[in-house]
Amino acid sequence: MPTQALALAFAASIYPPAVAAVIALGRGTEVRSRVFAFVVAAGLVTYGVGALILYALVELGATGSHHITPGAAVDLALGALLFLLAVRLHRRRPDPAIAAAAKPDGGSSKIERYLESRRLAFVLGVILYVLPSPIYIGAVKAIADANLSTSGELASLVVVVAIMLWMVELPMLMLLAVPDRAASTLERINLWFASHGRSLAIVAAVGTGVYLIVNGIVGLT
């Protein structure tokens, strides 16, 4: 299991909208089933998209020591995308839906109004994770670069997805085990993310972008 993939997966896990969604789904009735449907959907779509990216990278020859130039170009492109993402996050105003979801006494948020069933919770999980972030693509590429067997690559992808989704997996386990006690704790955590999540995401994007660009430059030279 490449350590680069693990580090990138952890960086990709910083996703405040998903945390806000889990908190919103944890309110009301049928908490366990709705939160479970959301996390299952997020896991399935993340793994499926990652498998497709892994296959594409191998078929395009953008992995391994025998294809240094294409692989380096991918790293440079992903690093540049992350810098653009950081700029966009810095300039973009907070999403009103996320801000509303962070306030337990601030009325019904858009997420809460439209996610009152397991089916819609599943759909939300797909929507939030169907578009892979550049950091996640970088993590998948690190797996492809490790020259593992097909089974090894797919097993490593399972680990990467599990790490990437820890910010929704942990709240899910808390809500499944102790929903009453977990609710207040998660509300406080979500309030913190509402205030600091954007800054944390910007730091992760810039840091990972620097790493990928340096890795790409080394690959080209």
C-alpha atoms as a PDB file:
ATOM      1  CA  MET A   1       0.000   0.000   0.000  1.00  0.00           C
ATOM      2  CA  PRO A   2       1.731   3.246  -1.136  1.00  0.00           C
ATOM      3  CA  THR A   3       2.055   5.780   1.667  1.00  0.00           C
ATOM      4  CA  GLN A   4       1.481   8.612  -0.814  1.00  0.00           C
ATOM      5  CA  ALA A   5      -1.991   7.252  -1.530  1.00  0.00           C
ATOM      6  CA  LEU A   6      -2.819   7.153   2.188  1.00  0.00           C
ATOM      7  CA  ALA A   7      -1.661  10.728   2.738  1.00  0.00           C
ATOM      8  CA  LEU A   8      -3.576  12.009  -0.283  1.00  0.00           C
ATOM      9  CA  ALA A   9      -6.700  10.090   0.773  1.00  0.00           C
ATOM     10  CA  PHE A  10      -6.580  11.780   4.168  1.00  0.00           C
ATOM     11  CA  ALA A  11      -6.216  15.191   2.514  1.00  0.00           C
ATOM     12  CA  ALA A  12      -9.150  14.395   0.209  1.00  0.00           C
ATOM     13  CA  SER A  13     -11.309  13.528   3.231  1.00  0.00           C
ATOM     14  CA  ILE A  14     -11.623  17.193   4.212  1.00  0.00           C
ATOM     15  CA  TYR A  15     -15.063  17.846   2.736  1.00  0.00           C
ATOM     16  CA  PRO A  16     -17.258  20.085   4.958  1.00  0.00           C
ATOM     17  CA  PRO A  17     -20.442  19.775   2.800  1.00  0.00           C
ATOM     18  CA  ALA A  18     -20.540  16.025   3.438  1.00  0.00           C
ATOM     19  CA  VAL A  19     -20.170  16.547   7.184  1.00  0.00           C
ATOM     20  CA  ALA A  20     -23.029  19.056   7.128  1.00  0.00           C
ATOM     21  CA  ALA A  21     -25.146  16.555   5.196  1.00  0.00           C
ATOM     22  CA  VAL A  22     -24.562  13.788   7.758  1.00  0.00           C
ATOM     23  CA  ILE A  23     -25.479  16.131  10.609  1.00  0.00           C
ATOM     24  CA  ALA A  24     -28.670  17.205   8.841  1.00  0.00           C
ATOM     25  CA  LEU A  25     -29.571  13.593   8.119  1.00  0.00           C
ATOM     26  CA  GLY A  26     -29.024  12.823  11.793  1.00  0.00           C
ATOM     27  CA  ARG A  27     -31.992  14.993  12.743  1.00  0.00           C
ATOM     28  CA  GLY A  28     -35.593  13.894  12.644  1.00  0.00           C
ATOM     29  CA  THR A  29     -36.889  10.349  12.222  1.00  0.00           C
ATOM     30  CA  GLU A  30     -35.319   7.199  10.740  1.00  0.00           C
ATOM     31  CA  VAL A  31     -31.874   8.566  11.526  1.00  0.00           C
ATOM     32  CA  ARG A  32     -30.012   5.271  11.281  1.00  0.00           C
ATOM     33  CA  SER A  33     -31.419   4.177   7.933  1.00  0.00           C
ATOM     34  CA  ARG A  34     -31.024   7.562   6.241  1.00  0.00           C
ATOM     35  CA  VAL A  35     -27.451   8.119   7.417  1.00  0.00           C
ATOM     36  CA  PHE A  36     -26.517   4.551   6.509  1.00  0.00           C
ATOM     37  CA  ALA A  37     -27.991   4.986   3.003  1.00  0.00           C
ATOM     38  CA  PHE A  38     -25.999   8.198   2.523  1.00  0.00           C
ATOM     39  CA  VAL A  39     -22.662   6.686   3.572  1.00  0.00           C
ATOM     40  CA  VAL A  40     -23.208   3.505   1.545  1.00  0.00           C
ATOM     41  CA  ALA A  41     -23.950   5.587  -1.557  1.00  0.00           C
ATOM     42  CA  ALA A  42     -20.861   7.735  -0.970  1.00  0.00           C
ATOM     43  CA  GLY A  43     -18.685   4.638  -0.591  1.00  0.00           C
ATOM     44  CA  LEU A  44     -20.040   2.866  -3.656  1.00  0.00           C
ATOM     45  CA  VAL A  45     -19.777   5.835  -5.994  1.00  0.00           C
ATOM     46  CA  THR A  46     -16.323   6.816  -4.691  1.00  0.00           C
ATOM     47  CA  TYR A  47     -14.991   3.302  -5.181  1.00  0.00           C
ATOM     48  CA  GLY A  48     -16.620   2.952  -8.613  1.00  0.00           C
ATOM     49  CA  VAL A  49     -15.227   6.265  -9.842  1.00  0.00           C
ATOM     50  CA  GLY A  50     -11.810   5.404  -8.418  1.00  0.00           C
ATOM     51  CA  ALA A  51     -11.789   2.049 -10.209  1.00  0.00           C
ATOM     52  CA  LEU A  52     -12.619   3.786 -13.502  1.00  0.00           C
ATOM     53  CA  ILE A  53      -9.828   6.330 -12.973  1.00  0.00           C
ATOM     54  CA  LEU A  54      -7.393   3.540 -12.114  1.00  0.00           C
ATOM     55  CA  TYR A  55      -8.307   1.668 -15.294  1.00  0.00           C
ATOM     56  CA  ALA A  56      -8.007   4.834 -17.410  1.00  0.00           C
ATOM     57  CA  LEU A  57      -4.575   5.701 -16.006  1.00  0.00           C
ATOM     58  CA  VAL A  58      -3.259   2.220 -16.750  1.00  0.00           C
ATOM     59  CA  GLU A  59      -4.724   2.156 -20.261  1.00  0.00           C
ATOM     60  CA  LEU A  60      -3.355   5.613 -21.064  1.00  0.00           C
ATOM     61  CA  GLY A  61       0.120   4.602 -19.887  1.00  0.00           C
ATOM     62  CA  ALA A  62       0.274   7.407 -17.321  1.00  0.00           C
ATOM     63  CA  THR A  63       1.682   5.235 -14.541  1.00  0.00           C
ATOM     64  CA  GLY A  64       4.858   3.428 -13.532  1.00  0.00           C
ATOM     65  CA  SER A  65       8.515   4.038 -14.146  1.00  0.00           C
ATOM     66  CA  HIS A  66       8.257   3.227 -17.863  1.00  0.00           C
ATOM     67  CA  HIS A  67       5.894   6.139 -18.487  1.00  0.00           C
ATOM     68  CA  ILE A  68       7.464   8.945 -16.505  1.00  0.00           C
ATOM     69  CA  THR A  69       6.515  11.859 -18.750  1.00  0.00           C
ATOM     70  CA  PRO A  70       2.725  11.201 -18.989  1.00  0.00           C
ATOM     71  CA  GLY A  71       2.563  10.461 -15.273  1.00  0.00           C
ATOM     72  CA  ALA A  72       4.441  13.649 -14.411  1.00  0.00           C
ATOM     73  CA  ALA A  73       2.111  15.641 -16.652  1.00  0.00           C
ATOM     74  CA  VAL A  74      -0.879  14.261 -14.745  1.00  0.00           C
ATOM     75  CA  ASP A  75       0.707  15.275 -11.434  1.00  0.00           C
ATOM     76  CA  LEU A  76       1.385  18.787 -12.715  1.00  0.00           C
ATOM     77  CA  ALA A  77      -2.160  19.137 -14.056  1.00  0.00           C
ATOM     78  CA  LEU A  78      -3.680  17.946 -10.779  1.00  0.00           C
ATOM     79  CA  GLY A  79      -1.461  20.314  -8.804  1.00  0.00           C
ATOM     80  CA  ALA A  80      -2.529  23.250 -10.970  1.00  0.00           C
ATOM     81  CA  LEU A  81      -6.201  22.287 -10.532  1.00  0.00           C
ATOM     82  CA  LEU A  82      -5.754  22.242  -6.779  1.00  0.00           C
ATOM     83  CA  PHE A  83      -4.314  25.742  -6.797  1.00  0.00           C
ATOM     84  CA  LEU A  84      -7.308  26.917  -8.842  1.00  0.00           C
ATOM     85  CA  LEU A  85      -9.617  25.158  -6.383  1.00  0.00           C
ATOM     86  CA  ALA A  86      -7.921  26.917  -3.469  1.00  0.00           C
ATOM     87  CA  VAL A  87      -8.414  30.292  -5.168  1.00  0.00           C
ATOM     88  CA  ARG A  88     -12.072  29.489  -5.847  1.00  0.00           C
ATOM     89  CA  LEU A  89     -12.664  28.432  -2.237  1.00  0.00           C
ATOM     90  CA  HIS A  90     -10.996  31.618  -1.032  1.00  0.00           C
ATOM     91  CA  ARG A  91     -13.205  33.838  -3.192  1.00  0.00           C
ATOM     92  CA  ARG A  92     -16.482  31.934  -2.960  1.00  0.00           C
ATOM     93  CA  ARG A  93     -18.984  32.855  -0.293  1.00  0.00           C
ATOM     94  CA  PRO A  94     -20.221  30.155   2.126  1.00  0.00           C
ATOM     95  CA  ASP A  95     -23.093  28.014   0.862  1.00  0.00           C
ATOM     96  CA  PRO A  96     -26.320  29.160   2.629  1.00  0.00           C
ATOM     97  CA  ALA A  97     -27.545  25.552   2.775  1.00  0.00           C
ATOM     98  CA  ILE A  98     -24.412  24.440   4.600  1.00  0.00           C
ATOM     99  CA  ALA A  99     -24.609  27.392   6.971  1.00  0.00           C
ATOM    100  CA  ALA A 100     -28.242  26.605   7.730  1.00  0.00           C
ATOM    101  CA  ALA A 101     -27.458  22.951   8.285  1.00  0.00           C
ATOM    102  CA  ALA A 102     -24.885  23.947  10.875  1.00  0.00           C
ATOM    103  CA  LYS A 103     -27.506  25.718  12.992  1.00  0.00           C
ATOM    104  CA  PRO A 104     -29.705  23.265  14.873  1.00  0.00           C
ATOM    105  CA  ASP A 105     -32.147  26.008  15.936  1.00  0.00           C
ATOM    106  CA  GLY A 106     -32.005  28.038  12.756  1.00  0.00           C
ATOM    107  CA  GLY A 107     -34.974  26.464  11.036  1.00  0.00           C
ATOM    108  CA  SER A 108     -35.216  23.727   8.457  1.00  0.00           C
ATOM    109  CA  SER A 109     -32.337  23.769   5.971  1.00  0.00           C
ATOM    110  CA  LYS A 110     -32.574  22.799   2.327  1.00  0.00           C
ATOM    111  CA  ILE A 111     -30.770  19.542   3.078  1.00  0.00           C
ATOM    112  CA  GLU A 112     -33.244  18.644   5.807  1.00  0.00           C
ATOM    113  CA  ARG A 113     -36.305  19.544   3.757  1.00  0.00           C
ATOM    114  CA  TYR A 114     -35.327  17.434   0.780  1.00  0.00           C
ATOM    115  CA  LEU A 115     -33.736  14.469   2.545  1.00  0.00           C
ATOM    116  CA  GLU A 116     -36.557  12.977   4.552  1.00  0.00           C
ATOM    117  CA  SER A 117     -36.289   9.507   2.977  1.00  0.00           C
ATOM    118  CA  ARG A 118     -33.636   6.827   2.524  1.00  0.00           C
ATOM    119  CA  ARG A 119     -33.890   7.124  -1.248  1.00  0.00           C
ATOM    120  CA  LEU A 120     -33.098  10.837  -1.262  1.00  0.00           C
ATOM    121  CA  ALA A 121     -30.303  10.313   1.260  1.00  0.00           C
ATOM    122  CA  PHE A 122     -28.784   7.741  -1.104  1.00  0.00           C
ATOM    123  CA  VAL A 123     -29.100  10.185  -4.010  1.00  0.00           C
ATOM    124  CA  LEU A 124     -27.348  12.899  -1.991  1.00  0.00           C
ATOM    125  CA  GLY A 125     -24.438  10.563  -1.291  1.00  0.00           C
ATOM    126  CA  VAL A 126     -24.054   9.940  -5.015  1.00  0.00           C
ATOM    127  CA  ILE A 127     -24.312  13.631  -5.928  1.00  0.00           C
ATOM    128  CA  LEU A 128     -21.729  14.788  -3.386  1.00  0.00           C
ATOM    129  CA  TYR A 129     -19.117  12.202  -4.362  1.00  0.00           C
ATOM    130  CA  VAL A 130     -19.681  11.399  -8.040  1.00  0.00           C
ATOM    131  CA  LEU A 131     -17.249  14.114  -9.172  1.00  0.00           C
ATOM    132  CA  PRO A 132     -13.768  13.155  -7.914  1.00  0.00           C
ATOM    133  CA  SER A 133     -11.556  15.837  -6.426  1.00  0.00           C
ATOM    134  CA  PRO A 134      -8.043  16.342  -7.848  1.00  0.00           C
ATOM    135  CA  ILE A 135      -6.652  15.078  -4.525  1.00  0.00           C
ATOM    136  CA  TYR A 136      -8.578  11.815  -4.833  1.00  0.00           C
ATOM    137  CA  ILE A 137      -7.386  11.395  -8.412  1.00  0.00           C
ATOM    138  CA  GLY A 138      -3.848  11.891  -7.115  1.00  0.00           C
ATOM    139  CA  ALA A 139      -4.405   9.165  -4.511  1.00  0.00           C
ATOM    140  CA  VAL A 140      -5.665   6.759  -7.186  1.00  0.00           C
ATOM    141  CA  LYS A 141      -2.667   7.599  -9.367  1.00  0.00           C
ATOM    142  CA  ALA A 142      -0.338   6.814  -6.447  1.00  0.00           C
ATOM    143  CA  ILE A 143      -1.892   3.342  -6.333  1.00  0.00           C
ATOM    144  CA  ALA A 144      -1.449   2.936 -10.082  1.00  0.00           C
ATOM    145  CA  ASP A 145       2.200   4.052  -9.851  1.00  0.00           C
ATOM    146  CA  ALA A 146       2.954   1.336  -7.276  1.00  0.00           C
ATOM    147  CA  ASN A 147       2.855  -1.402  -9.959  1.00  0.00           C
ATOM    148  CA  LEU A 148       0.662  -3.688  -7.871  1.00  0.00           C
ATOM    149  CA  SER A 149      -1.329  -6.621  -9.155  1.00  0.00           C
ATOM    150  CA  THR A 150      -4.930  -5.960 -10.180  1.00  0.00           C
ATOM    151  CA  SER A 151      -6.222  -7.453  -6.948  1.00  0.00           C
ATOM    152  CA  GLY A 152      -3.668  -5.422  -4.991  1.00  0.00           C
ATOM    153  CA  GLU A 153      -4.762  -2.218  -6.694  1.00  0.00           C
ATOM    154  CA  LEU A 154      -8.441  -2.867  -5.984  1.00  0.00           C
ATOM    155  CA  ALA A 155      -7.706  -3.781  -2.364  1.00  0.00           C
ATOM    156  CA  SER A 156      -5.614  -0.632  -1.943  1.00  0.00           C
ATOM    157  CA  LEU A 157      -8.471   1.388  -3.406  1.00  0.00           C
ATOM    158  CA  VAL A 158     -10.774   0.015  -0.698  1.00  0.00           C
ATOM    159  CA  VAL A 159      -8.375   1.336   1.957  1.00  0.00           C
ATOM    160  CA  VAL A 160      -8.100   4.724   0.239  1.00  0.00           C
ATOM    161  CA  VAL A 161     -11.894   5.071   0.029  1.00  0.00           C
ATOM    162  CA  ALA A 162     -12.284   4.096   3.690  1.00  0.00           C
ATOM    163  CA  ILE A 163      -9.770   6.779   4.718  1.00  0.00           C
ATOM    164  CA  MET A 164     -11.250   9.370   2.386  1.00  0.00           C
ATOM    165  CA  LEU A 165     -14.736   8.905   3.864  1.00  0.00           C
ATOM    166  CA  TRP A 166     -13.763   8.854   7.538  1.00  0.00           C
ATOM    167  CA  MET A 167     -15.397  12.239   8.107  1.00  0.00           C
ATOM    168  CA  VAL A 168     -18.796  10.733   7.266  1.00  0.00           C
ATOM    169  CA  GLU A 169     -18.090   7.185   8.443  1.00  0.00           C
ATOM    170  CA  LEU A 170     -17.277   8.253  12.008  1.00  0.00           C
ATOM    171  CA  PRO A 171     -20.447  10.360  12.433  1.00  0.00           C
ATOM    172  CA  MET A 172     -22.450   7.475  10.965  1.00  0.00           C
ATOM    173  CA  LEU A 173     -21.040   5.034  13.529  1.00  0.00           C
ATOM    174  CA  MET A 174     -21.752   7.502  16.320  1.00  0.00           C
ATOM    175  CA  LEU A 175     -25.329   8.017  15.167  1.00  0.00           C
ATOM    176  CA  LEU A 176     -25.869   4.283  14.754  1.00  0.00           C
ATOM    177  CA  ALA A 177     -24.457   3.430  18.182  1.00  0.00           C
ATOM    178  CA  VAL A 178     -25.548   6.328  20.415  1.00  0.00           C
ATOM    179  CA  PRO A 179     -27.834   8.638  18.397  1.00  0.00           C
ATOM    180  CA  ASP A 180     -28.978  10.765  21.351  1.00  0.00           C
ATOM    181  CA  ARG A 181     -25.508  11.481  22.719  1.00  0.00           C
ATOM    182  CA  ALA A 182     -23.936  11.747  19.257  1.00  0.00           C
ATOM    183  CA  ALA A 183     -26.353  14.401  18.008  1.00  0.00           C
ATOM    184  CA  SER A 184     -25.183  17.177  20.348  1.00  0.00           C
ATOM    185  CA  THR A 185     -21.520  16.315  19.852  1.00  0.00           C
ATOM    186  CA  LEU A 186     -21.825  16.302  16.074  1.00  0.00           C
ATOM    187  CA  GLU A 187     -23.741  19.593  16.121  1.00  0.00           C
ATOM    188  CA  ARG A 188     -20.796  21.247  17.894  1.00  0.00           C
ATOM    189  CA  ILE A 189     -18.333  19.704  15.448  1.00  0.00           C
ATOM    190  CA  ASN A 190     -20.398  20.910  12.519  1.00  0.00           C
ATOM    191  CA  LEU A 191     -20.516  24.443  13.920  1.00  0.00           C
ATOM    192  CA  TRP A 192     -16.715  24.374  14.031  1.00  0.00           C
ATOM    193  CA  PHE A 193     -16.541  23.181  10.430  1.00  0.00           C
ATOM    194  CA  ALA A 194     -19.002  25.866   9.365  1.00  0.00           C
ATOM    195  CA  SER A 195     -16.518  28.451  10.635  1.00  0.00           C
ATOM    196  CA  HIS A 196     -13.209  26.784   9.796  1.00  0.00           C
ATOM    197  CA  GLY A 197     -13.904  24.100   7.189  1.00  0.00           C
ATOM    198  CA  ARG A 198     -13.251  26.378   4.226  1.00  0.00           C
ATOM    199  CA  SER A 199      -9.850  27.429   5.568  1.00  0.00           C
ATOM    200  CA  LEU A 200      -8.971  23.806   6.271  1.00  0.00           C
ATOM    201  CA  ALA A 201      -9.941  22.809   2.721  1.00  0.00           C
ATOM    202  CA  ILE A 202      -7.834  25.637   1.270  1.00  0.00           C
ATOM    203  CA  VAL A 203      -4.785  24.534   3.266  1.00  0.00           C
ATOM    204  CA  ALA A 204      -5.281  20.927   2.130  1.00  0.00           C
ATOM    205  CA  ALA A 205      -5.642  21.985  -1.514  1.00  0.00           C
ATOM    206  CA  VAL A 206      -2.543  24.188  -1.482  1.00  0.00           C
ATOM    207  CA  GLY A 207      -0.415  21.659   0.391  1.00  0.00           C
ATOM    208  CA  THR A 208      -1.406  18.780  -1.859  1.00  0.00           C
ATOM    209  CA  GLY A 209      -1.016  20.968  -4.936  1.00  0.00           C
ATOM    210  CA  VAL A 210       2.569  21.775  -3.963  1.00  0.00           C
ATOM    211  CA  TYR A 211       3.300  18.091  -3.391  1.00  0.00           C
ATOM    212  CA  LEU A 212       1.901  17.028  -6.776  1.00  0.00           C
ATOM    213  CA  ILE A 213       3.667  19.797  -8.687  1.00  0.00           C
ATOM    214  CA  VAL A 214       7.015  18.955  -7.070  1.00  0.00           C
ATOM    215  CA  ASN A 215       6.390  15.274  -7.790  1.00  0.00           C
ATOM    216  CA  GLY A 216       5.610  16.129 -11.396  1.00  0.00           C
ATOM    217  CA  ILE A 217       8.743  18.234 -11.811  1.00  0.00           C
ATOM    218  CA  VAL A 218      10.864  15.435 -10.370  1.00  0.00           C
ATOM    219  CA  GLY A 219       9.242  13.004 -12.788  1.00  0.00           C
ATOM    220  CA  LEU A 220      10.010  15.231 -15.773  1.00  0.00           C
ATOM    221  CA  THR A 221      13.645  15.644 -14.782  1.00  0.00           C
END
